[in-house]
Amino acid sequence: MGYDLIVIGGGPAGYLAAERAGHAGLNTLLIEKRFIGGVCLNEGCIPSKALLYSAKIYDGAAHGEKYGVSAKELHLDHSFVVERKNKVVNTLVSGIKSKLKKNKVTVVMAEAKITGRTAEGFTVSAAEQTYTG
């Protein structure tokens, strides 16, 4: 299968490059091994901040007396906190996927390997398929 551009890696640089290439009319393939959005969006920055915000709210309620706020019988619903974090991540990932689809970017979820070079560009193997671009 031939493409104008093959992007390996669906992190911030990769998905944005693929989106812009698709928007410019290039037949674009994005290959991602784990998850669209990369580590920051799925495992690092965003989930951490979502969890920290819940902790901040809890801490504020627990130590509010020094500001004239008292909260009795505090309870942290761990399942709800994790569910909220997952919703935040899923909303952002869905937005990226929507933009890729809107710009006609083909997405393959697999590990990619550059297998050669041709006059047209490179050959890339992923998900038991060979792509050129």
C-alpha atoms as a PDB file:
ATOM      1  CA  MET A   1       0.000   0.000   0.000  1.00  0.00           C
ATOM      2  CA  GLY A   2       1.449   3.345  -0.999  1.00  0.00           C
ATOM      3  CA  TYR A   3       1.280   6.545   1.025  1.00  0.00           C
ATOM      4  CA  ASP A   4       2.637  10.049   0.564  1.00  0.00           C
ATOM      5  CA  LEU A   5       3.757  10.038   4.198  1.00  0.00           C
ATOM      6  CA  ILE A   6       4.184   7.360   6.841  1.00  0.00           C
ATOM      7  CA  VAL A   7       4.479   8.600  10.408  1.00  0.00           C
ATOM      8  CA  ILE A   8       5.817   6.165  12.995  1.00  0.00           C
ATOM      9  CA  GLY A   9       4.705   7.074  16.496  1.00  0.00           C
ATOM     10  CA  GLY A  10       1.411   8.601  17.587  1.00  0.00           C
ATOM     11  CA  GLY A  11       2.729  10.851  20.335  1.00  0.00           C
ATOM     12  CA  PRO A  12       2.345  14.649  20.215  1.00  0.00           C
ATOM     13  CA  ALA A  13       4.780  15.178  17.338  1.00  0.00           C
ATOM     14  CA  GLY A  14       3.578  12.176  15.358  1.00  0.00           C
ATOM     15  CA  TYR A  15      -0.165  12.659  15.549  1.00  0.00           C
ATOM     16  CA  LEU A  16       0.147  16.375  14.825  1.00  0.00           C
ATOM     17  CA  ALA A  17       2.420  15.743  11.813  1.00  0.00           C
ATOM     18  CA  ALA A  18      -0.024  13.150  10.493  1.00  0.00           C
ATOM     19  CA  GLU A  19      -3.024  15.406  11.075  1.00  0.00           C
ATOM     20  CA  ARG A  20      -1.407  18.347   9.283  1.00  0.00           C
ATOM     21  CA  ALA A  21      -0.227  16.171   6.397  1.00  0.00           C
ATOM     22  CA  GLY A  22      -3.718  14.765   5.985  1.00  0.00           C
ATOM     23  CA  HIS A  23      -5.179  18.258   6.128  1.00  0.00           C
ATOM     24  CA  ALA A  24      -2.771  19.294   3.362  1.00  0.00           C
ATOM     25  CA  GLY A  25      -4.161  16.503   1.194  1.00  0.00           C
ATOM     26  CA  LEU A  26      -1.362  13.972   1.601  1.00  0.00           C
ATOM     27  CA  ASN A  27      -2.336  10.312   1.763  1.00  0.00           C
ATOM     28  CA  THR A  28      -1.046   9.713   5.292  1.00  0.00           C
ATOM     29  CA  LEU A  29      -0.487   6.627   7.430  1.00  0.00           C
ATOM     30  CA  LEU A  30       0.137   6.829  11.172  1.00  0.00           C
ATOM     31  CA  ILE A  31       1.516   3.714  12.877  1.00  0.00           C
ATOM     32  CA  GLU A  32       1.421   3.596  16.681  1.00  0.00           C
ATOM     33  CA  LYS A  33       2.605   0.703  18.825  1.00  0.00           C
ATOM     34  CA  ARG A  34       0.719   1.403  22.072  1.00  0.00           C
ATOM     35  CA  PHE A  35      -1.757   4.271  22.168  1.00  0.00           C
ATOM     36  CA  ILE A  36      -2.565   7.456  20.286  1.00  0.00           C
ATOM     37  CA  GLY A  37      -1.452  10.523  22.216  1.00  0.00           C
ATOM     38  CA  GLY A  38       1.776   9.135  23.615  1.00  0.00           C
ATOM     39  CA  VAL A  39       2.992   8.666  27.158  1.00  0.00           C
ATOM     40  CA  CYS A  40       2.214  12.175  28.433  1.00  0.00           C
ATOM     41  CA  LEU A  41      -1.441  11.970  27.507  1.00  0.00           C
ATOM     42  CA  ASN A  42      -2.050   8.351  28.458  1.00  0.00           C
ATOM     43  CA  GLU A  43       0.280   7.569  31.360  1.00  0.00           C
ATOM     44  CA  GLY A  44       2.166  10.676  32.409  1.00  0.00           C
ATOM     45  CA  CYS A  45       1.295  14.351  32.573  1.00  0.00           C
ATOM     46  CA  ILE A  46      -2.454  14.345  32.003  1.00  0.00           C
ATOM     47  CA  PRO A  47      -3.459  11.394  34.209  1.00  0.00           C
ATOM     48  CA  SER A  48      -1.094  12.590  36.942  1.00  0.00           C
ATOM     49  CA  LYS A  49      -2.608  16.064  36.931  1.00  0.00           C
ATOM     50  CA  ALA A  50      -6.143  14.669  37.000  1.00  0.00           C
ATOM     51  CA  LEU A  51      -5.278  12.545  40.042  1.00  0.00           C
ATOM     52  CA  LEU A  52      -3.406  15.396  41.720  1.00  0.00           C
ATOM     53  CA  TYR A  53      -6.389  17.708  41.309  1.00  0.00           C
ATOM     54  CA  SER A  54      -8.616  15.274  43.196  1.00  0.00           C
ATOM     55  CA  ALA A  55      -5.970  15.045  45.925  1.00  0.00           C
ATOM     56  CA  LYS A  56      -5.743  18.843  46.060  1.00  0.00           C
ATOM     57  CA  ILE A  57      -9.504  19.164  46.539  1.00  0.00           C
ATOM     58  CA  TYR A  58      -9.433  16.537  49.296  1.00  0.00           C
ATOM     59  CA  ASP A  59      -6.460  18.174  51.002  1.00  0.00           C
ATOM     60  CA  GLY A  60      -8.151  21.577  50.864  1.00  0.00           C
ATOM     61  CA  ALA A  61     -11.234  20.172  52.547  1.00  0.00           C
ATOM     62  CA  ALA A  62      -9.184  18.275  55.132  1.00  0.00           C
ATOM     63  CA  HIS A  63      -7.134  21.343  56.113  1.00  0.00           C
ATOM     64  CA  GLY A  64      -9.686  24.066  55.523  1.00  0.00           C
ATOM     65  CA  GLU A  65     -10.036  25.049  59.177  1.00  0.00           C
ATOM     66  CA  LYS A  66      -7.185  27.531  58.874  1.00  0.00           C
ATOM     67  CA  TYR A  67      -9.290  29.314  56.228  1.00  0.00           C
ATOM     68  CA  GLY A  68     -12.575  29.105  58.073  1.00  0.00           C
ATOM     69  CA  VAL A  69     -13.825  26.060  56.204  1.00  0.00           C
ATOM     70  CA  SER A  70     -14.685  22.880  58.019  1.00  0.00           C
ATOM     71  CA  ALA A  71     -15.644  19.661  56.339  1.00  0.00           C
ATOM     72  CA  LYS A  72     -16.873  16.761  58.378  1.00  0.00           C
ATOM     73  CA  GLU A  73     -16.640  13.081  57.494  1.00  0.00           C
ATOM     74  CA  LEU A  74     -14.340  13.348  54.500  1.00  0.00           C
ATOM     75  CA  HIS A  75     -14.338  10.385  52.181  1.00  0.00           C
ATOM     76  CA  LEU A  76     -12.199   9.751  49.116  1.00  0.00           C
ATOM     77  CA  ASP A  77     -13.861   7.482  46.561  1.00  0.00           C
ATOM     78  CA  HIS A  78     -10.798   5.979  44.899  1.00  0.00           C
ATOM     79  CA  SER A  79     -12.825   4.256  42.169  1.00  0.00           C
ATOM     80  CA  PHE A  80     -14.523   7.528  41.249  1.00  0.00           C
ATOM     81  CA  VAL A  81     -11.187   9.394  41.189  1.00  0.00           C
ATOM     82  CA  VAL A  82      -9.697   6.805  38.824  1.00  0.00           C
ATOM     83  CA  GLU A  83     -12.852   6.801  36.685  1.00  0.00           C
ATOM     84  CA  ARG A  84     -12.667  10.598  36.385  1.00  0.00           C
ATOM     85  CA  LYS A  85      -8.994  10.393  35.387  1.00  0.00           C
ATOM     86  CA  ASN A  86      -9.853   7.799  32.738  1.00  0.00           C
ATOM     87  CA  LYS A  87     -12.656   9.992  31.370  1.00  0.00           C
ATOM     88  CA  VAL A  88     -10.284  12.955  31.062  1.00  0.00           C
ATOM     89  CA  VAL A  89      -7.746  10.847  29.165  1.00  0.00           C
ATOM     90  CA  ASN A  90     -10.381   9.188  26.965  1.00  0.00           C
ATOM     91  CA  THR A  91     -11.925  12.542  26.055  1.00  0.00           C
ATOM     92  CA  LEU A  92      -8.573  13.900  24.908  1.00  0.00           C
ATOM     93  CA  VAL A  93      -7.620  10.723  23.019  1.00  0.00           C
ATOM     94  CA  SER A  94     -11.036  10.705  21.319  1.00  0.00           C
ATOM     95  CA  GLY A  95     -10.466  14.285  20.198  1.00  0.00           C
ATOM     96  CA  ILE A  96      -7.150  13.359  18.597  1.00  0.00           C
ATOM     97  CA  LYS A  97      -8.649  10.311  16.880  1.00  0.00           C
ATOM     98  CA  SER A  98     -11.505  12.451  15.590  1.00  0.00           C
ATOM     99  CA  LYS A  99      -9.096  14.977  14.075  1.00  0.00           C
ATOM    100  CA  LEU A 100      -7.081  12.198  12.435  1.00  0.00           C
ATOM    101  CA  LYS A 101     -10.251  10.706  10.959  1.00  0.00           C
ATOM    102  CA  LYS A 102     -11.487  14.113   9.791  1.00  0.00           C
ATOM    103  CA  ASN A 103      -8.189  14.630   7.954  1.00  0.00           C
ATOM    104  CA  LYS A 104      -8.359  11.151   6.395  1.00  0.00           C
ATOM    105  CA  VAL A 105      -5.308   9.763   8.193  1.00  0.00           C
ATOM    106  CA  THR A 106      -5.130   5.967   8.200  1.00  0.00           C
ATOM    107  CA  VAL A 107      -4.159   4.667  11.646  1.00  0.00           C
ATOM    108  CA  VAL A 108      -2.579   1.259  12.231  1.00  0.00           C
ATOM    109  CA  MET A 109      -2.084   0.110  15.818  1.00  0.00           C
ATOM    110  CA  ALA A 110       1.045  -2.030  15.621  1.00  0.00           C
ATOM    111  CA  GLU A 111       4.788  -1.935  16.011  1.00  0.00           C
ATOM    112  CA  ALA A 112       6.435  -0.519  12.892  1.00  0.00           C
ATOM    113  CA  LYS A 113       9.738  -1.504  11.370  1.00  0.00           C
ATOM    114  CA  ILE A 114      11.472   0.257   8.491  1.00  0.00           C
ATOM    115  CA  THR A 115      12.368  -2.631   6.213  1.00  0.00           C
ATOM    116  CA  GLY A 116      13.890  -0.996   3.165  1.00  0.00           C
ATOM    117  CA  ARG A 117      14.197   1.869   0.766  1.00  0.00           C
ATOM    118  CA  THR A 118      12.731   2.226  -2.714  1.00  0.00           C
ATOM    119  CA  ALA A 119      12.712   4.907  -5.381  1.00  0.00           C
ATOM    120  CA  GLU A 120       9.389   6.113  -3.916  1.00  0.00           C
ATOM    121  CA  GLY A 121      10.626   6.266  -0.327  1.00  0.00           C
ATOM    122  CA  PHE A 122      10.755   3.639   2.380  1.00  0.00           C
ATOM    123  CA  THR A 123       9.057   0.344   3.060  1.00  0.00           C
ATOM    124  CA  VAL A 124       7.599  -0.138   6.504  1.00  0.00           C
ATOM    125  CA  SER A 125       6.191  -3.327   7.994  1.00  0.00           C
ATOM    126  CA  ALA A 126       3.424  -3.261  10.595  1.00  0.00           C
ATOM    127  CA  ALA A 127       0.631  -5.657  11.514  1.00  0.00           C
ATOM    128  CA  GLU A 128       1.860  -8.220   8.981  1.00  0.00           C
ATOM    129  CA  GLN A 129       1.490  -5.677   6.161  1.00  0.00           C
ATOM    130  CA  THR A 130       4.077  -3.784   4.131  1.00  0.00           C
ATOM    131  CA  TYR A 131       3.561  -0.100   3.383  1.00  0.00           C
ATOM    132  CA  THR A 132       5.523   2.270   1.142  1.00  0.00           C
ATOM    133  CA  GLY A 133       5.818   5.972   1.522  1.00  0.00           C
END
